[in-house]
């Protein structure tokens, strides 16, 4: 019998998987998540004049980066067509004063590479970045292995996740 050797990162991710299951969250739900928009469509067509058309968007993708600001966070979501910034606020995810979804799931159990579904509205940040203000977060799949490390060749950074030649 072959023994599987797990890295420290893989062991931690498996522990987080067990914690998600203990919270009653299925880390691999079977049904398809309904998507209404894609990142590139939003970035190419959103403007301040037509923002009313983007009051209810639904996207799904992989978390590529997270910037935590206390009671709010910015993250980069990569879907099948590109990347878009999402804005997650504790007050928006808390249902009836239950902050589990933000405090436990978002801040502690979601890792880079995990898949989530988000519902919310599109807005432009103070710095001009088109973003999705998340009102509802659905956990779609837990990534048990860390994302590949970005490598630089001839001054160009690439990895197997973002390099279109490897898709």
N, C-alpha and C. Protein backbone atom coordinates (compact mmCIF):
# COMPACT_ATOMS: atom_id res chain seq x y z
N UNK A 1 0.84 -1.18 0.00
CA UNK A 1 0.00 0.00 0.00
C UNK A 1 0.88 1.24 0.00
N UNK A 2 0.53 2.19 -0.84
CA UNK A 2 1.32 3.41 -0.98
C UNK A 2 0.84 4.45 0.03
N UNK A 3 1.77 5.07 0.74
CA UNK A 3 1.45 6.10 1.71
C UNK A 3 1.47 7.46 1.03
N UNK A 4 0.43 8.25 1.31
CA UNK A 4 0.35 9.59 0.73
C UNK A 4 0.98 10.59 1.70
N UNK A 5 1.93 11.35 1.21
CA UNK A 5 2.59 12.36 2.03
C UNK A 5 1.98 13.71 1.68
N UNK A 6 1.43 14.37 2.68
CA UNK A 6 0.79 15.66 2.47
C UNK A 6 1.68 16.77 3.00
N UNK A 7 1.67 17.88 2.28
CA UNK A 7 2.40 19.05 2.75
C UNK A 7 1.64 19.68 3.92
N UNK A 8 2.29 20.58 4.62
CA UNK A 8 1.64 21.28 5.73
C UNK A 8 0.40 22.03 5.24
N UNK A 9 0.51 22.65 4.08
CA UNK A 9 -0.61 23.39 3.49
C UNK A 9 -1.79 22.46 3.19
N UNK A 10 -1.51 21.27 2.67
CA UNK A 10 -2.57 20.31 2.36
C UNK A 10 -3.24 19.79 3.63
N UNK A 11 -2.48 19.59 4.68
CA UNK A 11 -3.04 19.14 5.96
C UNK A 11 -3.96 20.22 6.53
N UNK A 12 -3.53 21.47 6.49
CA UNK A 12 -4.35 22.58 6.99
C UNK A 12 -5.63 22.69 6.19
N UNK A 13 -5.56 22.54 4.88
CA UNK A 13 -6.76 22.64 4.04
C UNK A 13 -7.74 21.50 4.33
N UNK A 14 -7.24 20.33 4.62
CA UNK A 14 -8.11 19.21 4.98
C UNK A 14 -8.78 19.46 6.34
N UNK A 15 -8.07 20.09 7.26
CA UNK A 15 -8.66 20.46 8.55
C UNK A 15 -9.77 21.48 8.35
N UNK A 16 -9.55 22.44 7.45
CA UNK A 16 -10.58 23.44 7.16
C UNK A 16 -11.78 22.78 6.50
N UNK A 17 -11.55 21.78 5.67
CA UNK A 17 -12.63 21.02 5.04
C UNK A 17 -13.51 20.39 6.12
N UNK A 18 -12.90 19.78 7.12
CA UNK A 18 -13.64 19.16 8.23
C UNK A 18 -14.42 20.22 9.02
N UNK A 19 -13.84 21.41 9.21
CA UNK A 19 -14.53 22.48 9.93
C UNK A 19 -15.74 22.97 9.15
N UNK A 20 -15.62 23.08 7.83
CA UNK A 20 -16.76 23.47 7.00
C UNK A 20 -17.89 22.45 7.14
N UNK A 21 -17.53 21.17 7.09
CA UNK A 21 -18.54 20.12 7.23
C UNK A 21 -19.18 20.17 8.61
N UNK A 22 -18.40 20.48 9.65
CA UNK A 22 -18.94 20.60 11.00
C UNK A 22 -19.94 21.76 11.12
N UNK A 23 -19.75 22.80 10.30
CA UNK A 23 -20.68 23.94 10.29
C UNK A 23 -21.92 23.65 9.44
N UNK A 24 -21.97 22.47 8.83
CA UNK A 24 -23.11 22.11 7.99
C UNK A 24 -23.01 22.62 6.57
N UNK A 25 -21.82 23.02 6.14
CA UNK A 25 -21.61 23.53 4.79
C UNK A 25 -21.04 22.40 3.93
N UNK A 26 -21.75 22.06 2.86
CA UNK A 26 -21.28 21.03 1.94
C UNK A 26 -20.17 21.64 1.09
N UNK A 27 -18.93 21.16 1.23
CA UNK A 27 -17.83 21.77 0.48
C UNK A 27 -17.81 21.40 -1.00
N UNK A 28 -18.66 20.49 -1.41
CA UNK A 28 -18.73 20.10 -2.82
C UNK A 28 -20.18 19.91 -3.24
N UNK A 29 -20.98 20.99 -3.26
CA UNK A 29 -22.39 20.83 -3.63
C UNK A 29 -22.53 20.43 -5.09
N UNK A 30 -23.44 19.52 -5.36
CA UNK A 30 -23.60 18.98 -6.71
C UNK A 30 -24.31 19.91 -7.70
N UNK A 31 -25.36 20.63 -7.32
CA UNK A 31 -26.10 21.40 -8.33
C UNK A 31 -25.26 22.52 -8.95
N UNK A 32 -25.62 22.87 -10.16
CA UNK A 32 -24.95 23.98 -10.83
C UNK A 32 -25.33 25.29 -10.16
N UNK A 33 -24.38 26.20 -10.09
CA UNK A 33 -24.64 27.51 -9.51
C UNK A 33 -25.07 28.44 -10.64
N UNK A 34 -26.21 29.11 -10.50
CA UNK A 34 -26.71 29.97 -11.59
C UNK A 34 -25.87 31.25 -11.72
N UNK A 35 -25.30 31.45 -12.88
CA UNK A 35 -24.46 32.62 -13.15
C UNK A 35 -25.19 33.53 -14.14
N UNK A 36 -25.27 34.81 -13.80
CA UNK A 36 -25.95 35.76 -14.69
C UNK A 36 -24.98 36.60 -15.51
N UNK A 37 -23.76 36.77 -15.02
CA UNK A 37 -22.77 37.61 -15.68
C UNK A 37 -21.38 36.98 -15.58
N UNK A 38 -20.49 37.45 -16.42
CA UNK A 38 -19.08 37.06 -16.35
C UNK A 38 -18.24 38.31 -16.12
N UNK A 39 -17.05 38.12 -15.59
CA UNK A 39 -16.19 39.24 -15.21
C UNK A 39 -15.89 40.18 -16.38
N UNK A 40 -15.51 39.62 -17.52
CA UNK A 40 -15.15 40.48 -18.65
C UNK A 40 -16.35 41.24 -19.19
N UNK A 41 -17.53 40.62 -19.18
CA UNK A 41 -18.74 41.32 -19.63
C UNK A 41 -19.01 42.54 -18.75
N UNK A 42 -18.88 42.36 -17.45
CA UNK A 42 -19.12 43.46 -16.52
C UNK A 42 -18.09 44.56 -16.73
N UNK A 43 -16.82 44.19 -16.81
CA UNK A 43 -15.76 45.20 -16.98
C UNK A 43 -15.88 45.95 -18.30
N UNK A 44 -16.31 45.27 -19.35
CA UNK A 44 -16.40 45.90 -20.67
C UNK A 44 -17.64 46.76 -20.85
N UNK A 45 -18.72 46.47 -20.13
CA UNK A 45 -19.97 47.17 -20.40
C UNK A 45 -20.47 48.04 -19.24
N UNK A 46 -19.92 47.90 -18.04
CA UNK A 46 -20.40 48.69 -16.91
C UNK A 46 -19.95 50.14 -17.04
N UNK A 47 -20.89 51.04 -16.76
CA UNK A 47 -20.56 52.47 -16.68
C UNK A 47 -21.49 53.10 -15.64
N UNK A 48 -21.17 54.30 -15.22
CA UNK A 48 -22.00 54.98 -14.23
C UNK A 48 -23.39 55.28 -14.78
N UNK A 49 -23.51 55.39 -16.10
CA UNK A 49 -24.80 55.68 -16.72
C UNK A 49 -25.72 54.45 -16.72
N UNK A 50 -25.15 53.25 -16.82
CA UNK A 50 -26.00 52.05 -16.90
C UNK A 50 -25.89 51.17 -15.65
N UNK A 51 -25.51 51.76 -14.52
CA UNK A 51 -25.30 50.96 -13.31
C UNK A 51 -26.58 50.30 -12.80
N UNK A 52 -27.75 50.83 -13.17
CA UNK A 52 -29.01 50.21 -12.75
C UNK A 52 -29.19 48.82 -13.36
N UNK A 53 -28.53 48.55 -14.47
CA UNK A 53 -28.61 47.23 -15.10
C UNK A 53 -27.77 46.20 -14.35
N UNK A 54 -26.97 46.64 -13.41
CA UNK A 54 -26.07 45.74 -12.68
C UNK A 54 -26.35 45.73 -11.18
N UNK A 55 -27.64 45.88 -10.81
CA UNK A 55 -27.99 45.88 -9.40
C UNK A 55 -28.14 44.47 -8.83
N UNK A 56 -28.22 43.47 -9.70
CA UNK A 56 -28.38 42.09 -9.24
C UNK A 56 -27.57 41.17 -10.15
N UNK A 57 -26.30 40.96 -9.81
CA UNK A 57 -25.44 40.09 -10.61
C UNK A 57 -25.08 38.85 -9.81
N UNK A 58 -24.78 37.80 -10.53
CA UNK A 58 -24.43 36.54 -9.91
C UNK A 58 -23.23 35.96 -10.67
N UNK A 59 -22.12 35.77 -9.96
CA UNK A 59 -20.90 35.23 -10.56
C UNK A 59 -20.41 34.05 -9.74
N UNK A 60 -19.60 33.22 -10.37
CA UNK A 60 -18.95 32.11 -9.66
C UNK A 60 -17.52 32.02 -10.15
N UNK A 61 -16.62 31.69 -9.24
CA UNK A 61 -15.23 31.56 -9.65
C UNK A 61 -14.33 31.20 -8.50
N UNK A 62 -13.06 31.26 -8.78
CA UNK A 62 -12.02 30.87 -7.84
C UNK A 62 -11.43 32.10 -7.17
N UNK A 63 -11.23 32.04 -5.87
CA UNK A 63 -10.60 33.12 -5.12
C UNK A 63 -9.10 33.10 -5.42
N UNK A 64 -8.59 34.21 -5.98
CA UNK A 64 -7.18 34.28 -6.36
C UNK A 64 -6.34 35.12 -5.41
N UNK A 65 -6.97 36.07 -4.72
CA UNK A 65 -6.26 36.87 -3.72
C UNK A 65 -7.29 37.48 -2.78
N UNK A 66 -6.84 37.79 -1.55
CA UNK A 66 -7.71 38.40 -0.55
C UNK A 66 -6.93 39.49 0.16
N UNK A 67 -7.58 40.65 0.34
CA UNK A 67 -7.01 41.75 1.10
C UNK A 67 -8.00 42.08 2.23
N UNK A 68 -7.65 41.71 3.44
CA UNK A 68 -8.53 41.86 4.59
C UNK A 68 -8.39 43.25 5.19
N UNK A 69 -9.53 43.88 5.48
CA UNK A 69 -9.53 45.22 6.05
C UNK A 69 -10.32 45.26 7.37
N UNK A 70 -10.41 44.15 8.07
CA UNK A 70 -11.17 44.11 9.32
C UNK A 70 -12.58 43.62 9.09
N UNK A 71 -13.55 44.55 9.08
CA UNK A 71 -14.94 44.18 8.87
C UNK A 71 -15.31 44.11 7.40
N UNK A 72 -14.35 44.29 6.54
CA UNK A 72 -14.57 44.19 5.10
C UNK A 72 -13.31 43.62 4.45
N UNK A 73 -13.49 43.07 3.27
CA UNK A 73 -12.36 42.50 2.53
C UNK A 73 -12.56 42.73 1.05
N UNK A 74 -11.46 42.84 0.34
CA UNK A 74 -11.47 42.82 -1.11
C UNK A 74 -10.83 41.51 -1.53
N UNK A 75 -11.35 40.93 -2.60
CA UNK A 75 -10.76 39.69 -3.12
C UNK A 75 -10.85 39.73 -4.64
N UNK A 76 -10.02 38.92 -5.26
CA UNK A 76 -10.05 38.81 -6.71
C UNK A 76 -10.67 37.46 -7.05
N UNK A 77 -11.74 37.52 -7.84
CA UNK A 77 -12.47 36.32 -8.26
C UNK A 77 -12.16 36.05 -9.72
N UNK A 78 -11.71 34.85 -10.02
CA UNK A 78 -11.42 34.48 -11.41
C UNK A 78 -12.50 33.52 -11.88
N UNK A 79 -13.23 33.95 -12.92
CA UNK A 79 -14.23 33.06 -13.51
C UNK A 79 -13.70 32.53 -14.83
N UNK A 80 -14.56 31.96 -15.65
CA UNK A 80 -14.11 31.34 -16.90
C UNK A 80 -13.60 32.33 -17.93
N UNK A 81 -13.90 33.62 -17.75
CA UNK A 81 -13.51 34.61 -18.76
C UNK A 81 -12.47 35.63 -18.28
N UNK A 82 -12.24 35.73 -17.00
CA UNK A 82 -11.28 36.72 -16.51
C UNK A 82 -11.39 36.89 -15.01
N UNK A 83 -10.93 38.03 -14.54
CA UNK A 83 -10.92 38.32 -13.11
C UNK A 83 -11.66 39.61 -12.81
N UNK A 84 -12.26 39.65 -11.62
CA UNK A 84 -12.94 40.86 -11.16
C UNK A 84 -12.77 40.95 -9.64
N UNK A 85 -12.72 42.17 -9.15
CA UNK A 85 -12.60 42.39 -7.71
C UNK A 85 -13.97 42.25 -7.07
N UNK A 86 -14.01 41.61 -5.90
CA UNK A 86 -15.24 41.55 -5.12
C UNK A 86 -14.99 42.23 -3.78
N UNK A 87 -16.05 42.80 -3.22
CA UNK A 87 -16.00 43.50 -1.94
C UNK A 87 -16.94 42.77 -0.99
N UNK A 88 -16.41 42.25 0.10
CA UNK A 88 -17.18 41.46 1.05
C UNK A 88 -17.19 42.19 2.39
N UNK A 89 -18.40 42.50 2.89
CA UNK A 89 -18.55 43.20 4.17
C UNK A 89 -19.22 42.30 5.19
N UNK A 90 -18.75 42.37 6.40
CA UNK A 90 -19.30 41.55 7.48
C UNK A 90 -20.80 41.78 7.65
N UNK A 91 -21.22 43.04 7.65
CA UNK A 91 -22.63 43.37 7.86
C UNK A 91 -23.53 42.82 6.76
N UNK A 92 -23.00 42.68 5.55
CA UNK A 92 -23.82 42.17 4.44
C UNK A 92 -24.00 40.65 4.51
N UNK A 93 -23.01 39.94 5.03
CA UNK A 93 -23.11 38.48 5.10
C UNK A 93 -23.79 37.99 6.38
N UNK A 94 -23.87 38.85 7.40
CA UNK A 94 -24.49 38.46 8.67
C UNK A 94 -26.01 38.41 8.50
N UNK A 95 -26.57 37.26 8.84
CA UNK A 95 -28.02 37.10 8.77
C UNK A 95 -28.55 37.01 10.20
N UNK A 96 -29.41 37.92 10.57
CA UNK A 96 -29.99 37.95 11.92
C UNK A 96 -28.90 37.92 12.99
N UNK A 97 -27.93 38.76 12.87
CA UNK A 97 -26.81 38.88 13.82
C UNK A 97 -25.93 37.64 13.89
N UNK A 98 -26.07 36.70 12.95
CA UNK A 98 -25.21 35.52 12.89
C UNK A 98 -24.05 35.84 11.95
N UNK A 99 -22.88 36.06 12.52
CA UNK A 99 -21.72 36.46 11.71
C UNK A 99 -20.84 35.28 11.31
N UNK A 100 -21.36 34.06 11.44
CA UNK A 100 -20.58 32.86 11.13
C UNK A 100 -20.05 32.87 9.71
N UNK A 101 -20.88 33.27 8.76
CA UNK A 101 -20.46 33.23 7.35
C UNK A 101 -19.25 34.12 7.12
N UNK A 102 -19.18 35.27 7.76
CA UNK A 102 -18.03 36.16 7.57
C UNK A 102 -16.88 35.77 8.50
N UNK A 103 -17.15 35.70 9.80
CA UNK A 103 -16.08 35.48 10.78
C UNK A 103 -15.43 34.10 10.66
N UNK A 104 -16.22 33.08 10.44
CA UNK A 104 -15.67 31.73 10.38
C UNK A 104 -15.34 31.30 8.95
N UNK A 105 -16.36 31.35 8.08
CA UNK A 105 -16.18 30.82 6.73
C UNK A 105 -15.27 31.73 5.90
N UNK A 106 -15.63 33.00 5.74
CA UNK A 106 -14.86 33.88 4.86
C UNK A 106 -13.45 34.14 5.40
N UNK A 107 -13.34 34.52 6.66
CA UNK A 107 -12.04 34.95 7.18
C UNK A 107 -11.11 33.80 7.55
N UNK A 108 -11.65 32.64 7.92
CA UNK A 108 -10.79 31.57 8.42
C UNK A 108 -10.76 30.32 7.57
N UNK A 109 -11.84 29.99 6.89
CA UNK A 109 -11.92 28.70 6.22
C UNK A 109 -11.75 28.76 4.71
N UNK A 110 -11.95 29.92 4.10
CA UNK A 110 -11.77 30.03 2.66
C UNK A 110 -10.30 30.31 2.37
N UNK A 111 -9.74 29.53 1.45
CA UNK A 111 -8.34 29.67 1.04
C UNK A 111 -8.27 30.13 -0.41
N UNK A 112 -7.09 30.56 -0.81
CA UNK A 112 -6.86 30.85 -2.22
C UNK A 112 -7.09 29.57 -3.01
N UNK A 113 -7.81 29.69 -4.10
CA UNK A 113 -8.11 28.53 -4.94
C UNK A 113 -9.48 27.95 -4.71
N UNK A 114 -10.14 28.28 -3.59
CA UNK A 114 -11.49 27.79 -3.34
C UNK A 114 -12.47 28.45 -4.30
N UNK A 115 -13.54 27.74 -4.62
CA UNK A 115 -14.56 28.26 -5.52
C UNK A 115 -15.75 28.76 -4.71
N UNK A 116 -16.23 29.96 -5.06
CA UNK A 116 -17.38 30.56 -4.40
C UNK A 116 -18.32 31.13 -5.45
N UNK A 117 -19.57 31.27 -5.06
CA UNK A 117 -20.56 31.98 -5.86
C UNK A 117 -20.93 33.24 -5.11
N UNK A 118 -21.08 34.34 -5.83
CA UNK A 118 -21.43 35.61 -5.18
C UNK A 118 -22.61 36.25 -5.90
N UNK A 119 -23.47 36.88 -5.10
CA UNK A 119 -24.58 37.68 -5.63
C UNK A 119 -24.44 39.06 -5.02
N UNK A 120 -24.69 40.07 -5.83
CA UNK A 120 -24.58 41.43 -5.34
C UNK A 120 -24.79 42.43 -6.45
N UNK A 121 -24.22 43.62 -6.27
CA UNK A 121 -24.35 44.67 -7.28
C UNK A 121 -22.97 45.20 -7.65
N UNK A 122 -22.89 45.75 -8.85
CA UNK A 122 -21.61 46.26 -9.36
C UNK A 122 -21.49 47.74 -8.99
N UNK A 123 -20.29 48.13 -8.60
CA UNK A 123 -20.02 49.53 -8.29
C UNK A 123 -18.57 49.83 -8.65
N UNK A 124 -18.24 51.10 -8.61
CA UNK A 124 -16.87 51.54 -8.87
C UNK A 124 -16.28 52.05 -7.56
N UNK A 125 -15.10 51.56 -7.19
CA UNK A 125 -14.46 51.97 -5.94
C UNK A 125 -13.94 53.40 -6.06
N UNK A 126 -13.45 53.93 -4.95
CA UNK A 126 -12.87 55.28 -4.95
C UNK A 126 -11.68 55.39 -5.89
N UNK A 127 -10.98 54.26 -6.08
CA UNK A 127 -9.83 54.25 -6.99
C UNK A 127 -10.23 53.95 -8.43
N UNK A 128 -11.54 53.78 -8.67
CA UNK A 128 -12.01 53.56 -10.03
C UNK A 128 -12.10 52.11 -10.47
N UNK A 129 -11.85 51.17 -9.57
CA UNK A 129 -11.89 49.74 -9.90
C UNK A 129 -13.34 49.24 -9.93
N UNK A 130 -13.74 48.61 -11.02
CA UNK A 130 -15.07 48.02 -11.11
C UNK A 130 -15.08 46.77 -10.23
N UNK A 131 -16.05 46.71 -9.32
CA UNK A 131 -16.10 45.64 -8.32
C UNK A 131 -17.53 45.17 -8.10
N UNK A 132 -17.66 44.00 -7.50
CA UNK A 132 -18.97 43.47 -7.12
C UNK A 132 -19.08 43.54 -5.60
N UNK A 133 -20.09 44.27 -5.12
CA UNK A 133 -20.37 44.35 -3.69
C UNK A 133 -21.21 43.12 -3.34
N UNK A 134 -20.63 42.20 -2.59
CA UNK A 134 -21.26 40.91 -2.31
C UNK A 134 -22.33 41.05 -1.23
N UNK A 135 -23.53 40.59 -1.56
CA UNK A 135 -24.64 40.55 -0.60
C UNK A 135 -24.90 39.12 -0.14
N UNK A 136 -24.51 38.16 -0.97
CA UNK A 136 -24.71 36.74 -0.64
C UNK A 136 -23.52 35.94 -1.15
N UNK A 137 -22.99 35.08 -0.30
CA UNK A 137 -21.83 34.26 -0.63
C UNK A 137 -22.21 32.79 -0.48
N UNK A 138 -21.90 32.00 -1.51
CA UNK A 138 -22.16 30.56 -1.47
C UNK A 138 -20.85 29.83 -1.67
N UNK A 139 -20.53 28.93 -0.76
CA UNK A 139 -19.31 28.14 -0.89
C UNK A 139 -19.57 27.03 -1.89
N UNK A 140 -18.73 26.93 -2.94
CA UNK A 140 -18.97 25.95 -4.00
C UNK A 140 -18.02 24.77 -3.97
N UNK A 141 -16.74 24.98 -3.69
CA UNK A 141 -15.80 23.85 -3.67
C UNK A 141 -14.53 24.24 -2.92
N UNK A 142 -14.03 23.30 -2.14
CA UNK A 142 -12.80 23.50 -1.37
C UNK A 142 -11.62 22.98 -2.19
N UNK A 143 -10.60 23.80 -2.31
CA UNK A 143 -9.37 23.40 -2.99
C UNK A 143 -8.45 22.77 -1.94
N UNK A 144 -8.12 21.50 -2.13
CA UNK A 144 -7.30 20.80 -1.14
C UNK A 144 -5.82 20.95 -1.39
N UNK A 145 -5.46 21.48 -2.53
CA UNK A 145 -4.04 21.73 -2.83
C UNK A 145 -3.85 23.22 -3.08
N UNK A 146 -2.71 23.75 -2.66
CA UNK A 146 -2.44 25.18 -2.91
C UNK A 146 -2.27 25.44 -4.41
N UNK A 147 -2.54 26.67 -4.80
CA UNK A 147 -2.34 27.06 -6.20
C UNK A 147 -0.87 26.98 -6.56
N UNK A 148 -0.56 26.73 -7.82
CA UNK A 148 0.85 26.68 -8.23
C UNK A 148 1.53 28.03 -8.03
N UNK A 149 2.81 27.97 -7.77
CA UNK A 149 3.60 29.18 -7.55
C UNK A 149 3.84 29.87 -8.88
N UNK A 150 3.71 31.19 -8.88
CA UNK A 150 3.95 31.98 -10.08
C UNK A 150 5.43 31.93 -10.41
N UNK A 151 5.74 31.67 -11.66
CA UNK A 151 7.14 31.63 -12.11
C UNK A 151 7.37 32.75 -13.10
N UNK A 152 8.58 33.22 -13.15
CA UNK A 152 8.91 34.31 -14.06
C UNK A 152 9.93 33.82 -15.08
N UNK A 153 9.57 34.01 -16.35
CA UNK A 153 10.46 33.63 -17.44
C UNK A 153 10.58 34.83 -18.37
N UNK A 154 11.79 35.24 -18.63
CA UNK A 154 12.05 36.37 -19.53
C UNK A 154 11.26 37.62 -19.13
N UNK A 155 11.13 37.85 -17.83
CA UNK A 155 10.44 39.05 -17.36
C UNK A 155 8.93 38.95 -17.35
N UNK A 156 8.37 37.81 -17.75
CA UNK A 156 6.92 37.61 -17.76
C UNK A 156 6.53 36.59 -16.69
N UNK A 157 5.59 36.96 -15.83
CA UNK A 157 5.12 36.04 -14.80
C UNK A 157 4.01 35.17 -15.38
N UNK A 158 4.03 33.89 -15.03
CA UNK A 158 2.98 32.98 -15.47
C UNK A 158 2.85 31.84 -14.47
N UNK A 159 1.71 31.19 -14.51
CA UNK A 159 1.50 29.96 -13.77
C UNK A 159 0.46 29.14 -14.52
N UNK A 160 0.26 27.92 -14.11
CA UNK A 160 -0.64 27.02 -14.82
C UNK A 160 -2.10 27.44 -14.70
N UNK A 161 -2.44 28.29 -13.73
CA UNK A 161 -3.82 28.71 -13.55
C UNK A 161 -4.16 29.89 -14.45
N UNK A 162 -3.26 30.84 -14.60
CA UNK A 162 -3.58 32.06 -15.35
C UNK A 162 -3.04 32.08 -16.76
N UNK A 163 -2.08 31.24 -17.09
CA UNK A 163 -1.50 31.25 -18.43
C UNK A 163 -2.46 30.58 -19.40
N UNK A 164 -3.02 31.34 -20.37
CA UNK A 164 -4.00 30.76 -21.29
C UNK A 164 -3.44 29.62 -22.13
N UNK A 165 -2.13 29.56 -22.31
CA UNK A 165 -1.54 28.48 -23.11
C UNK A 165 -1.69 27.13 -22.43
N UNK A 166 -1.85 27.12 -21.12
CA UNK A 166 -1.96 25.86 -20.39
C UNK A 166 -3.40 25.42 -20.17
N UNK A 167 -4.37 26.24 -20.56
CA UNK A 167 -5.78 25.88 -20.35
C UNK A 167 -6.25 24.92 -21.40
